[in-house]
Amino acid sequence: GMFIQVEHPVEGKLTQVACPLRFSAASQRYPTPPPRLGEHTDEILKGLGLTEQAIAELRCLRVL
């Protein structure tokens, strides 16, 4: 029971680590597959108070 299989809409079937805590009265639920890299970046940056323009400017920065 250490690993579970989840279906990701883009990546297909994924194996991930199950929750290590078990409670007798609670069922284990995994409502959503793990996010893809950067999937929630804009949402998080907006939540931190950045504007659309500031986010767009960050995306244009290049790391040398």
C-alpha atoms as a PDB file:
ATOM      1  CA  GLY A   1       0.000   0.000   0.000  1.00  0.00           C
ATOM      2  CA  MET A   2       2.982   2.356  -0.304  1.00  0.00           C
ATOM      3  CA  PHE A   3       2.172   3.336  -3.893  1.00  0.00           C
ATOM      4  CA  ILE A   4      -1.010   4.091  -5.811  1.00  0.00           C
ATOM      5  CA  GLN A   5      -1.812   4.396  -9.501  1.00  0.00           C
ATOM      6  CA  VAL A   6      -3.488   7.616 -10.657  1.00  0.00           C
ATOM      7  CA  GLU A   7      -4.693   8.560 -14.111  1.00  0.00           C
ATOM      8  CA  HIS A   8      -3.335  11.888 -15.364  1.00  0.00           C
ATOM      9  CA  PRO A   9      -5.219  13.530 -18.272  1.00  0.00           C
ATOM     10  CA  VAL A  10      -1.991  14.297 -20.174  1.00  0.00           C
ATOM     11  CA  GLU A  11       0.672  11.944 -18.826  1.00  0.00           C
ATOM     12  CA  GLY A  12      -1.459   8.798 -18.577  1.00  0.00           C
ATOM     13  CA  LYS A  13      -1.111   6.339 -15.700  1.00  0.00           C
ATOM     14  CA  LEU A  14       1.272   7.513 -12.954  1.00  0.00           C
ATOM     15  CA  THR A  15       2.586   5.796  -9.852  1.00  0.00           C
ATOM     16  CA  GLN A  16       2.838   7.993  -6.789  1.00  0.00           C
ATOM     17  CA  VAL A  17       3.504   7.532  -3.100  1.00  0.00           C
ATOM     18  CA  ALA A  18       0.340   6.982  -1.075  1.00  0.00           C
ATOM     19  CA  CYS A  19      -0.349   8.883   2.109  1.00  0.00           C
ATOM     20  CA  PRO A  20       1.648   7.160   4.880  1.00  0.00           C
ATOM     21  CA  LEU A  21      -0.973   7.949   7.551  1.00  0.00           C
ATOM     22  CA  ARG A  22      -3.852   5.543   8.008  1.00  0.00           C
ATOM     23  CA  PHE A  23      -6.907   6.252  10.157  1.00  0.00           C
ATOM     24  CA  SER A  24      -9.532   3.578  10.694  1.00  0.00           C
ATOM     25  CA  ALA A  25     -12.519   5.888  10.145  1.00  0.00           C
ATOM     26  CA  ALA A  26     -11.109   7.814   7.180  1.00  0.00           C
ATOM     27  CA  SER A  27     -10.841   6.750   3.569  1.00  0.00           C
ATOM     28  CA  GLN A  28      -7.810   7.709   1.497  1.00  0.00           C
ATOM     29  CA  ARG A  29      -8.764  10.053  -1.325  1.00  0.00           C
ATOM     30  CA  TYR A  30      -6.649  11.437  -4.115  1.00  0.00           C
ATOM     31  CA  PRO A  31      -9.081  13.763  -5.915  1.00  0.00           C
ATOM     32  CA  THR A  32      -6.696  15.186  -8.508  1.00  0.00           C
ATOM     33  CA  PRO A  33      -3.536  13.998 -10.237  1.00  0.00           C
ATOM     34  CA  PRO A  34      -0.301  15.845  -9.462  1.00  0.00           C
ATOM     35  CA  PRO A  35       0.112  19.154 -11.306  1.00  0.00           C
ATOM     36  CA  ARG A  36       2.474  19.507 -14.244  1.00  0.00           C
ATOM     37  CA  LEU A  37       5.531  21.725 -13.857  1.00  0.00           C
ATOM     38  CA  GLY A  38       4.374  25.351 -13.820  1.00  0.00           C
ATOM     39  CA  GLU A  39       0.676  24.492 -14.025  1.00  0.00           C
ATOM     40  CA  HIS A  40      -0.284  26.754 -11.100  1.00  0.00           C
ATOM     41  CA  THR A  41       2.480  29.363 -11.380  1.00  0.00           C
ATOM     42  CA  ASP A  42       0.261  32.216 -12.609  1.00  0.00           C
ATOM     43  CA  GLU A  43      -2.374  31.506  -9.966  1.00  0.00           C
ATOM     44  CA  ILE A  44       0.232  31.546  -7.180  1.00  0.00           C
ATOM     45  CA  LEU A  45       1.896  34.731  -8.438  1.00  0.00           C
ATOM     46  CA  LYS A  46      -1.486  36.485  -8.698  1.00  0.00           C
ATOM     47  CA  GLY A  47      -2.229  35.373  -5.140  1.00  0.00           C
ATOM     48  CA  LEU A  48       1.027  37.023  -4.076  1.00  0.00           C
ATOM     49  CA  GLY A  49      -0.197  40.287  -5.601  1.00  0.00           C
ATOM     50  CA  LEU A  50       1.641  40.340  -8.930  1.00  0.00           C
ATOM     51  CA  THR A  51      -0.158  41.867 -11.892  1.00  0.00           C
ATOM     52  CA  GLU A  52      -0.559  40.201 -15.285  1.00  0.00           C
ATOM     53  CA  GLN A  53       2.096  42.545 -16.660  1.00  0.00           C
ATOM     54  CA  ALA A  54       4.579  41.711 -13.888  1.00  0.00           C
ATOM     55  CA  ILE A  55       4.057  37.991 -14.485  1.00  0.00           C
ATOM     56  CA  ALA A  56       4.602  38.458 -18.226  1.00  0.00           C
ATOM     57  CA  GLU A  57       7.817  40.355 -17.518  1.00  0.00           C
ATOM     58  CA  LEU A  58       9.048  37.544 -15.258  1.00  0.00           C
ATOM     59  CA  ARG A  59       8.436  35.053 -18.051  1.00  0.00           C
ATOM     60  CA  CYS A  60      10.672  37.118 -20.366  1.00  0.00           C
ATOM     61  CA  LEU A  61      13.687  36.961 -18.013  1.00  0.00           C
ATOM     62  CA  ARG A  62      16.477  34.668 -19.163  1.00  0.00           C
ATOM     63  CA  VAL A  63      18.835  32.821 -16.858  1.00  0.00           C
ATOM     64  CA  LEU A  64      22.391  32.827 -18.214  1.00  0.00           C
END
